[in-house]
């Protein structure tokens, strides 16, 4: 179960930004507008069966894997007026505010059945080919009702109608992929992978009650292709090096744009292409035995340089733009010092700036109707430090996350707990003890 409550502005006022909306009070200091309350329950069940067999084809080892996956969900969402208070009151006050706009009651029964199969064909000692298939059946539903409240120019309710809204998306499809591994030298592997990708519409895409949030009735699933090619090698058993190039094509990518009335619209935006290179180096810099214990220094870095763009879109100010939430630079680097059963780990992560919407909107000034909802997400770097001691029977670990207490955020939320930026955690400490029996 998840309950969410908060001030969302005046739902009777269209094109209002809840981030900057005034939470009005009367002359006695009491709030005038109720909080917006959503109660959700989540019941999800799943099971998976796998069968694997190994045999030989012309003296070459072969492996066949197949299986079934079943998933069933029945989630609910109940939305309506909360209290006028500031506390975490999760009771509805519908009798007090019968004409509150954001009222809905929905059930989301969803089913997923999948069959998958893979086969490893070892052509010789250096070359193997692994084709795979996956068949999916999806049944996505939303069943329920919502209130349509109409106000006059003065903000008085003149109509309150309960409307039924039942939707269903049934589909099944087959996805294919193939992977190729080649070993040109000892401790060196070259690989190539190509597969179809798929992202289904979820119940959250289908229904939401918010006067400034619209779901396109023609929204459909995403389809596309994913591929990567690379080489991985171990040098003198102490240095691991991997270089990889990758590409992802999304057709009918689902996202959010702002229309000319500042409404946030979730729909299929267009065709997006994401591609780049990734490099990993993990090296043992020093190892020496000192007073019966090994002293080790290990360092690594992993960097991904990613370029993205919408290569086709019917939406205004989208074609040629960068894809949202795709930073150009994603870097992780760290150093490990180990002596005997004690170790010290330091890691730093850096992400460059990224856009939060497909229209690549600049950050608006405070007070703008779009303030807090769109704009750049600035670059940030976060460091973590961990100290561990692992004797034979127990393990003691302590650390500091966000060592330098950086203030940053990773996304802009358009719904709960937003809209607006979602600050990330500040500096935190942890201590853990583990026992082995």
Protein backbone atom coordinates (compact mmCIF):
# COMPACT_ATOMS: atom_id res chain seq x y z
CA UNK A 1 0.00 0.00 0.00
CA UNK A 2 1.16 3.55 -0.71
CA UNK A 3 -0.59 6.73 0.44
CA UNK A 4 0.43 10.12 -0.96
CA UNK A 5 -0.90 13.47 0.23
CA UNK A 6 0.10 17.01 -0.54
CA UNK A 7 -1.00 20.42 -1.73
CA UNK A 8 -1.55 20.43 -5.49
CA UNK A 9 -2.90 23.90 -6.06
CA UNK A 10 -6.47 24.75 -6.91
CA UNK A 11 -7.74 21.96 -9.22
CA UNK A 12 -10.48 24.24 -10.56
CA UNK A 13 -7.88 26.57 -12.08
CA UNK A 14 -6.51 25.27 -15.36
CA UNK A 15 -2.90 25.97 -16.44
CA UNK A 16 -1.84 26.49 -12.85
CA UNK A 17 1.62 25.39 -11.77
CA UNK A 18 1.29 23.48 -8.45
CA UNK A 19 4.94 24.25 -7.72
CA UNK A 20 4.31 27.98 -7.39
CA UNK A 21 0.59 27.97 -6.53
CA UNK A 22 -0.31 29.85 -3.36
CA UNK A 23 -1.62 27.70 -0.51
CA UNK A 24 -4.15 30.30 0.65
CA UNK A 25 -5.21 30.85 4.25
CA UNK A 26 -8.13 32.72 5.76
CA UNK A 27 -7.84 35.51 8.34
CA UNK A 28 -7.64 32.94 11.15
CA UNK A 29 -4.72 31.14 9.53
CA UNK A 30 -6.73 28.13 8.36
CA UNK A 31 -6.05 26.69 4.91
CA UNK A 32 -8.80 27.13 2.34
CA UNK A 33 -8.01 24.37 -0.17
CA UNK A 34 -7.80 20.65 0.67
CA UNK A 35 -4.78 18.48 0.12
CA UNK A 36 -4.80 16.00 -2.78
CA UNK A 37 -4.82 12.38 -1.57
CA UNK A 38 -4.09 9.21 -3.51
CA UNK A 39 -4.30 5.75 -1.95
CA UNK A 40 -2.80 2.90 -3.93
CA UNK A 41 -2.65 -0.84 -3.31
CA UNK A 42 -0.34 -3.19 -5.20
CA UNK A 43 -0.94 -6.91 -5.52
CA UNK A 44 1.50 -8.61 -7.88
CA UNK A 45 2.06 -12.31 -8.45
CA UNK A 46 4.54 -14.04 -10.70
CA UNK A 47 6.16 -17.37 -11.44
CA UNK A 48 8.90 -18.52 -13.79
CA UNK A 49 9.89 -21.97 -15.03
CA UNK A 50 13.20 -22.72 -16.76
CA UNK A 51 14.53 -25.85 -18.38
CA UNK A 52 18.11 -26.23 -19.58
CA UNK A 53 19.83 -29.10 -21.34
CA UNK A 54 23.38 -29.67 -22.54
CA UNK A 55 24.37 -31.95 -25.40
CA UNK A 56 26.80 -32.19 -28.32
CA UNK A 57 26.59 -31.33 -32.00
CA UNK A 58 29.47 -32.87 -33.98
CA UNK A 59 31.66 -33.06 -30.86
CA UNK A 60 30.92 -29.43 -29.97
CA UNK A 61 29.11 -28.63 -26.73
CA UNK A 62 25.66 -27.07 -27.14
CA UNK A 63 23.24 -25.60 -24.62
CA UNK A 64 19.47 -25.11 -24.98
CA UNK A 65 17.37 -23.06 -22.55
CA UNK A 66 13.62 -22.50 -22.59
CA UNK A 67 11.05 -21.34 -20.10
CA UNK A 68 7.74 -19.73 -19.26
CA UNK A 69 6.98 -16.63 -17.22
CA UNK A 70 3.60 -15.67 -15.74
CA UNK A 71 2.76 -12.35 -14.10
CA UNK A 72 -0.53 -11.09 -12.76
CA UNK A 73 -1.26 -7.75 -11.10
CA UNK A 74 -4.35 -6.17 -9.62
CA UNK A 75 -3.47 -2.69 -8.42
CA UNK A 76 -5.88 0.03 -7.33
CA UNK A 77 -5.81 3.82 -7.12
CA UNK A 78 -8.30 5.95 -5.18
CA UNK A 79 -7.97 9.73 -5.45
CA UNK A 80 -9.87 12.54 -3.78
CA UNK A 81 -9.80 15.48 -1.36
CA UNK A 82 -7.74 15.26 1.79
CA UNK A 83 -7.84 17.46 4.86
CA UNK A 84 -7.04 21.14 5.31
CA UNK A 85 -4.25 20.35 7.76
CA UNK A 86 -0.48 20.08 7.48
CA UNK A 87 -0.13 16.64 9.07
CA UNK A 88 0.00 13.26 7.38
CA UNK A 89 -3.76 12.78 7.37
CA UNK A 90 -4.67 9.94 4.99
CA UNK A 91 -8.44 10.20 5.35
CA UNK A 92 -10.71 11.37 2.55
CA UNK A 93 -12.96 14.39 3.13
CA UNK A 94 -15.30 13.94 0.17
CA UNK A 95 -18.38 14.97 2.16
CA UNK A 96 -16.71 18.29 2.98
CA UNK A 97 -15.49 18.86 -0.58
CA UNK A 98 -17.91 17.05 -2.93
CA UNK A 99 -16.91 19.17 -5.93
CA UNK A 100 -13.17 18.55 -5.65
CA UNK A 101 -11.95 18.02 -9.21
CA UNK A 102 -9.35 15.28 -8.76
CA UNK A 103 -11.62 12.37 -7.82
CA UNK A 104 -11.20 8.91 -9.27
CA UNK A 105 -11.47 5.24 -8.35
CA UNK A 106 -9.65 2.76 -10.58
CA UNK A 107 -8.57 -0.87 -10.69
CA UNK A 108 -5.67 -1.90 -12.92
CA UNK A 109 -5.80 -5.65 -13.71
CA UNK A 110 -2.82 -6.58 -15.84
CA UNK A 111 -1.61 -9.92 -17.15
CA UNK A 112 1.64 -10.98 -18.81
CA UNK A 113 2.55 -14.40 -20.20
CA UNK A 114 5.90 -15.02 -21.88
CA UNK A 115 7.77 -17.91 -23.49
CA UNK A 116 11.50 -17.65 -24.16
CA UNK A 117 14.22 -19.82 -25.64
CA UNK A 118 17.97 -19.52 -26.26
CA UNK A 119 20.50 -21.85 -27.83
CA UNK A 120 24.30 -21.70 -27.67
CA UNK A 121 25.93 -23.08 -30.80
CA UNK A 122 29.67 -23.57 -30.37
CA UNK A 123 31.00 -23.54 -33.94
CA UNK A 124 34.55 -24.22 -32.78
CA UNK A 125 36.79 -23.41 -29.80
CA UNK A 126 36.89 -19.73 -30.75
CA UNK A 127 33.41 -18.95 -32.11
CA UNK A 128 29.93 -19.31 -30.60
CA UNK A 129 26.53 -18.03 -31.77
CA UNK A 130 23.53 -17.63 -29.46
CA UNK A 131 20.15 -16.89 -31.06
CA UNK A 132 17.10 -16.26 -28.90
CA UNK A 133 13.34 -15.78 -29.15
CA UNK A 134 10.77 -14.37 -26.75
CA UNK A 135 7.00 -14.38 -27.20
CA UNK A 136 4.97 -12.00 -25.06
CA UNK A 137 1.26 -11.73 -24.36
CA UNK A 138 0.14 -8.56 -22.56
CA UNK A 139 -3.29 -7.54 -21.35
CA UNK A 140 -3.23 -4.05 -19.85
CA UNK A 141 -6.46 -2.69 -18.38
CA UNK A 142 -7.84 0.22 -16.41
CA UNK A 143 -11.35 -0.05 -15.00
CA UNK A 144 -13.05 2.67 -13.00
CA UNK A 145 -14.54 6.13 -12.92
CA UNK A 146 -13.56 9.73 -12.40
CA UNK A 147 -15.41 12.98 -11.73
CA UNK A 148 -15.74 15.71 -14.32
CA UNK A 149 -16.36 18.95 -12.44
CA UNK A 150 -17.17 22.09 -14.46
CA UNK A 151 -16.68 25.55 -12.97
CA UNK A 152 -17.96 28.94 -14.08
CA UNK A 153 -15.76 31.99 -14.58
CA UNK A 154 -15.98 32.85 -10.87
CA UNK A 155 -14.75 29.36 -9.90
CA UNK A 156 -18.12 28.06 -8.70
CA UNK A 157 -19.04 24.45 -9.58
CA UNK A 158 -21.93 24.22 -12.02
CA UNK A 159 -21.76 20.51 -12.89
CA UNK A 160 -20.30 17.37 -11.30
CA UNK A 161 -20.56 14.22 -13.41
CA UNK A 162 -19.19 10.77 -12.61
CA UNK A 163 -17.81 9.22 -15.82
CA UNK A 164 -16.91 5.61 -16.42
CA UNK A 165 -13.56 5.04 -18.14
CA UNK A 166 -12.61 1.47 -18.99
CA UNK A 167 -9.68 0.78 -21.28
CA UNK A 168 -7.95 -2.36 -22.47
CA UNK A 169 -4.87 -3.04 -24.58
CA UNK A 170 -4.39 -6.65 -25.66
CA UNK A 171 -1.38 -7.57 -27.76
CA UNK A 172 1.11 -10.34 -28.41
CA UNK A 173 4.39 -10.22 -30.29
CA UNK A 174 7.61 -12.08 -30.95
CA UNK A 175 11.06 -10.63 -30.20
CA UNK A 176 14.30 -12.01 -31.63
CA UNK A 177 17.96 -11.49 -30.91
CA UNK A 178 21.40 -12.99 -31.55
CA UNK A 179 24.75 -12.81 -29.81
CA UNK A 180 28.15 -13.73 -31.26
CA UNK A 181 31.32 -14.38 -29.21
CA UNK A 182 34.75 -14.78 -30.76
CA UNK A 183 38.03 -15.51 -28.95
CA UNK A 184 40.88 -14.29 -31.18
CA UNK A 185 43.55 -14.56 -28.45
CA UNK A 186 43.88 -16.12 -25.04
CA UNK A 187 42.09 -14.01 -22.37
CA UNK A 188 40.46 -11.89 -25.10
CA UNK A 189 36.83 -11.99 -26.20
CA UNK A 190 35.15 -10.01 -28.97
CA UNK A 191 31.35 -9.87 -29.01
CA UNK A 192 28.41 -8.61 -31.02
CA UNK A 193 24.78 -8.53 -29.86
CA UNK A 194 21.65 -7.39 -31.71
CA UNK A 195 18.08 -7.71 -30.44
CA UNK A 196 14.64 -6.20 -30.72
CA UNK A 197 13.50 -4.13 -27.78
CA UNK A 198 10.06 -3.34 -26.46
CA UNK A 199 8.52 -1.12 -23.80
CA UNK A 200 4.84 -1.66 -23.08
CA UNK A 201 2.30 0.95 -22.03
CA UNK A 202 1.62 0.61 -18.31
CA UNK A 203 -1.47 1.46 -16.26
CA UNK A 204 0.17 4.73 -15.19
CA UNK A 205 0.36 5.68 -18.88
CA UNK A 206 -3.32 4.94 -19.37
CA UNK A 207 -5.04 6.83 -16.59
CA UNK A 208 -4.22 9.76 -14.31
CA UNK A 209 -6.58 12.40 -12.90
CA UNK A 210 -4.91 15.78 -12.98
CA UNK A 211 -6.30 18.93 -14.62
CA UNK A 212 -2.91 19.81 -16.11
CA UNK A 213 -1.86 16.27 -17.09
CA UNK A 214 -3.28 14.67 -20.24
CA UNK A 215 -2.91 11.12 -21.59
CA UNK A 216 -3.06 10.78 -25.36
CA UNK A 217 -5.84 8.32 -26.20
CA UNK A 218 -3.74 6.91 -29.06
CA UNK A 219 -0.69 6.13 -26.89
CA UNK A 220 0.95 2.85 -27.93
CA UNK A 221 3.90 0.62 -27.03
CA UNK A 222 7.51 1.43 -27.87
CA UNK A 223 9.44 -0.79 -30.26
CA UNK A 224 12.97 -0.74 -31.59
CA UNK A 225 16.40 -2.37 -31.69
CA UNK A 226 19.40 -2.60 -29.38
CA UNK A 227 22.92 -3.49 -30.44
CA UNK A 228 26.44 -3.46 -29.07
CA UNK A 229 29.89 -4.51 -30.21
CA UNK A 230 33.01 -4.71 -28.11
CA UNK A 231 36.15 -6.41 -26.96
CA UNK A 232 37.20 -7.50 -23.47
CA UNK A 233 40.70 -8.57 -22.49
CA UNK A 234 42.66 -9.49 -19.37
CA UNK A 235 46.33 -8.48 -19.40
CA UNK A 236 48.77 -10.47 -17.23
CA UNK A 237 45.88 -11.44 -14.92
CA UNK A 238 45.99 -7.99 -13.33
CA UNK A 239 44.34 -5.55 -15.75
CA UNK A 240 40.86 -5.91 -17.22
CA UNK A 241 40.14 -3.71 -20.24
CA UNK A 242 36.83 -3.49 -22.10
CA UNK A 243 35.81 -1.20 -24.96
CA UNK A 244 32.23 -1.22 -26.15
CA UNK A 245 30.12 0.62 -28.72
CA UNK A 246 26.34 0.57 -28.39
CA UNK A 247 23.21 1.87 -30.05
CA UNK A 248 19.51 1.93 -29.15
CA UNK A 249 16.67 2.83 -31.50
CA UNK A 250 13.26 3.64 -30.02
CA UNK A 251 10.26 3.99 -32.28
CA UNK A 252 7.16 5.63 -30.80
CA UNK A 253 9.15 6.59 -27.70
CA UNK A 254 6.82 7.48 -24.82
CA UNK A 255 7.47 10.78 -23.09
CA UNK A 256 5.98 14.02 -21.85
CA UNK A 257 5.68 17.28 -23.76
CA UNK A 258 4.03 20.57 -22.87
CA UNK A 259 1.28 21.82 -25.15
CA UNK A 260 0.54 25.47 -25.87
CA UNK A 261 -1.55 25.72 -22.68
CA UNK A 262 1.25 24.35 -20.44
CA UNK A 263 -0.56 21.02 -20.01
CA UNK A 264 1.79 18.05 -19.60
CA UNK A 265 0.85 15.46 -22.24
CA UNK A 266 2.08 11.86 -22.08
CA UNK A 267 2.19 10.41 -25.59
CA UNK A 268 4.36 8.82 -28.27
CA UNK A 269 6.82 11.57 -29.12
CA UNK A 270 8.79 10.14 -32.03
CA UNK A 271 11.78 8.07 -33.08
CA UNK A 272 14.81 8.38 -30.82
CA UNK A 273 18.38 7.22 -31.44
CA UNK A 274 20.85 6.76 -28.57
CA UNK A 275 24.41 5.67 -29.23
CA UNK A 276 27.86 5.91 -27.71
CA UNK A 277 30.99 4.20 -26.44
CA UNK A 278 31.90 2.77 -23.05
CA UNK A 279 35.33 1.98 -21.63
CA UNK A 280 36.18 0.01 -18.49
CA UNK A 281 39.64 -0.42 -16.96
CA UNK A 282 40.10 -2.35 -13.71
CA UNK A 283 43.74 -2.62 -12.69
CA UNK A 284 45.64 -4.14 -9.79
CA UNK A 285 48.31 -1.48 -9.32
CA UNK A 286 50.28 -3.00 -6.49
CA UNK A 287 50.44 -6.22 -4.50
CA UNK A 288 53.00 -7.07 -1.84
CA UNK A 289 53.16 -9.32 1.18
CA UNK A 290 53.91 -7.31 4.33
CA UNK A 291 54.24 -9.08 7.70
CA UNK A 292 52.33 -12.18 6.61
CA UNK A 293 49.46 -10.17 5.09
CA UNK A 294 48.86 -9.11 1.49
CA UNK A 295 48.74 -5.39 0.74
CA UNK A 296 46.75 -4.56 -2.39
CA UNK A 297 46.02 -1.38 -4.34
CA UNK A 298 43.33 -1.63 -7.00
CA UNK A 299 41.85 1.14 -9.17
CA UNK A 300 39.12 1.28 -11.81
CA UNK A 301 37.23 3.66 -14.00
CA UNK A 302 34.17 3.19 -16.16
CA UNK A 303 33.14 5.94 -18.57
CA UNK A 304 30.28 6.08 -21.03
CA UNK A 305 30.00 8.81 -23.64
CA UNK A 306 26.46 8.88 -25.00
CA UNK A 307 24.91 10.92 -27.80
CA UNK A 308 21.17 11.00 -28.34
CA UNK A 309 18.66 12.70 -30.60
CA UNK A 310 15.09 12.56 -31.83
CA UNK A 311 15.56 11.78 -35.50
CA UNK A 312 11.86 12.05 -36.33
CA UNK A 313 8.86 13.59 -34.61
CA UNK A 314 5.58 15.24 -35.52
CA UNK A 315 5.72 17.34 -32.36
CA UNK A 316 6.90 20.94 -32.50
CA UNK A 317 10.42 21.70 -31.25
CA UNK A 318 11.36 18.03 -30.85
CA UNK A 319 13.10 16.79 -34.04
CA UNK A 320 16.86 17.10 -33.67
CA UNK A 321 16.69 17.56 -29.89
CA UNK A 322 18.56 15.48 -27.35
CA UNK A 323 16.64 12.66 -25.67
CA UNK A 324 15.62 13.52 -22.11
CA UNK A 325 17.53 12.02 -19.17
CA UNK A 326 20.51 10.97 -21.31
CA UNK A 327 23.72 12.66 -20.06
CA UNK A 328 26.70 12.94 -22.40
CA UNK A 329 29.15 11.76 -19.72
CA UNK A 330 28.59 9.05 -17.13
CA UNK A 331 31.79 8.39 -15.18
CA UNK A 332 32.53 6.13 -12.23
CA UNK A 333 35.99 5.74 -10.77
CA UNK A 334 37.36 4.25 -7.57
CA UNK A 335 40.34 3.16 -5.52
CA UNK A 336 40.63 0.18 -3.18
CA UNK A 337 43.28 -0.36 -0.50
CA UNK A 338 43.31 -3.77 1.18
CA UNK A 339 45.55 -5.16 3.89
CA UNK A 340 44.86 -8.59 5.22
CA UNK A 341 41.17 -8.76 6.10
CA UNK A 342 40.60 -4.99 6.08
CA UNK A 343 39.79 -2.84 3.06
CA UNK A 344 39.09 0.81 2.26
CA UNK A 345 37.06 1.74 -0.84
CA UNK A 346 36.55 5.19 -2.35
CA UNK A 347 34.31 5.79 -5.35
CA UNK A 348 33.25 8.90 -7.22
CA UNK A 349 30.39 9.15 -9.72
CA UNK A 350 29.90 12.01 -12.16
CA UNK A 351 27.02 12.76 -14.53
CA UNK A 352 27.00 15.68 -16.93
CA UNK A 353 23.98 17.91 -17.41
CA UNK A 354 20.89 16.53 -19.11
CA UNK A 355 17.52 17.74 -20.32
CA UNK A 356 14.35 16.72 -18.50
CA UNK A 357 11.94 17.02 -21.43
CA UNK A 358 11.90 16.20 -25.12
CA UNK A 359 11.57 19.85 -26.10
CA UNK A 360 14.94 20.60 -24.42
CA UNK A 361 13.41 23.53 -22.57
CA UNK A 362 15.69 25.92 -20.67
CA UNK A 363 15.10 26.43 -16.97
CA UNK A 364 12.26 28.98 -16.65
CA UNK A 365 12.40 31.85 -14.19
CA UNK A 366 10.65 31.44 -10.86
CA UNK A 367 6.97 32.30 -11.12
CA UNK A 368 6.69 31.05 -14.69
CA UNK A 369 3.81 28.61 -15.17
CA UNK A 370 6.38 25.95 -16.12
CA UNK A 371 8.73 26.65 -13.21
CA UNK A 372 10.08 23.50 -11.55
CA UNK A 373 8.57 21.18 -14.15
CA UNK A 374 11.02 21.64 -17.04
CA UNK A 375 14.62 22.70 -17.44
CA UNK A 376 18.15 21.35 -17.32
CA UNK A 377 19.28 18.92 -14.65
CA UNK A 378 22.75 20.23 -13.70
CA UNK A 379 25.84 18.03 -13.65
CA UNK A 380 26.91 16.58 -10.31
CA UNK A 381 29.61 14.44 -8.69
CA UNK A 382 29.06 12.24 -5.62
CA UNK A 383 31.68 10.41 -3.55
CA UNK A 384 31.26 7.37 -1.29
CA UNK A 385 33.69 5.90 1.25
CA UNK A 386 33.51 2.37 2.73
CA UNK A 387 35.64 0.60 5.34
CA UNK A 388 35.30 -3.16 5.80
CA UNK A 389 36.85 -5.76 8.09
CA UNK A 390 36.19 -9.44 7.39
CA UNK A 391 37.57 -11.94 9.94
CA UNK A 392 36.62 -15.57 9.56
CA UNK A 393 33.28 -15.59 11.38
CA UNK A 394 31.86 -12.11 10.96
CA UNK A 395 32.02 -9.01 8.80
CA UNK A 396 32.01 -5.40 9.97
CA UNK A 397 31.34 -2.65 7.43
CA UNK A 398 30.97 1.12 7.84
CA UNK A 399 30.74 3.92 5.34
CA UNK A 400 29.73 7.39 4.32
CA UNK A 401 27.50 8.00 1.32
CA UNK A 402 27.73 11.41 -0.37
CA UNK A 403 30.96 12.09 1.48
CA UNK A 404 31.13 15.81 0.67
CA UNK A 405 27.39 16.40 1.21
CA UNK A 406 26.71 17.50 -2.37
CA UNK A 407 23.31 19.04 -3.12
CA UNK A 408 21.93 17.70 -6.38
CA UNK A 409 18.91 16.13 -8.02
CA UNK A 410 18.48 13.52 -10.73
CA UNK A 411 15.01 14.20 -12.13
CA UNK A 412 12.02 16.49 -12.24
CA UNK A 413 8.82 14.76 -11.21
CA UNK A 414 5.60 15.57 -13.04
CA UNK A 415 3.43 13.74 -10.49
CA UNK A 416 3.82 12.68 -6.89
CA UNK A 417 5.87 13.58 -4.93
CA UNK A 418 6.23 16.57 -7.28
CA UNK A 419 5.80 18.29 -9.54
CA UNK A 420 9.24 19.83 -9.30
CA UNK A 421 12.76 18.67 -8.58
CA UNK A 422 13.30 15.65 -6.32
CA UNK A 423 16.36 16.35 -4.13
CA UNK A 424 18.70 13.43 -3.61
CA UNK A 425 19.94 12.29 -0.21
CA UNK A 426 22.57 14.32 1.60
CA UNK A 427 25.48 12.87 3.55
CA UNK A 428 24.57 9.65 5.36
CA UNK A 429 26.37 7.09 7.50
CA UNK A 430 25.90 3.37 7.88
CA UNK A 431 27.26 0.55 10.01
CA UNK A 432 26.52 -3.12 9.44
CA UNK A 433 27.51 -6.40 11.09
CA UNK A 434 27.28 -9.78 9.40
CA UNK A 435 27.73 -13.25 10.90
CA UNK A 436 28.58 -16.50 9.13
CA UNK A 437 27.52 -19.89 10.44
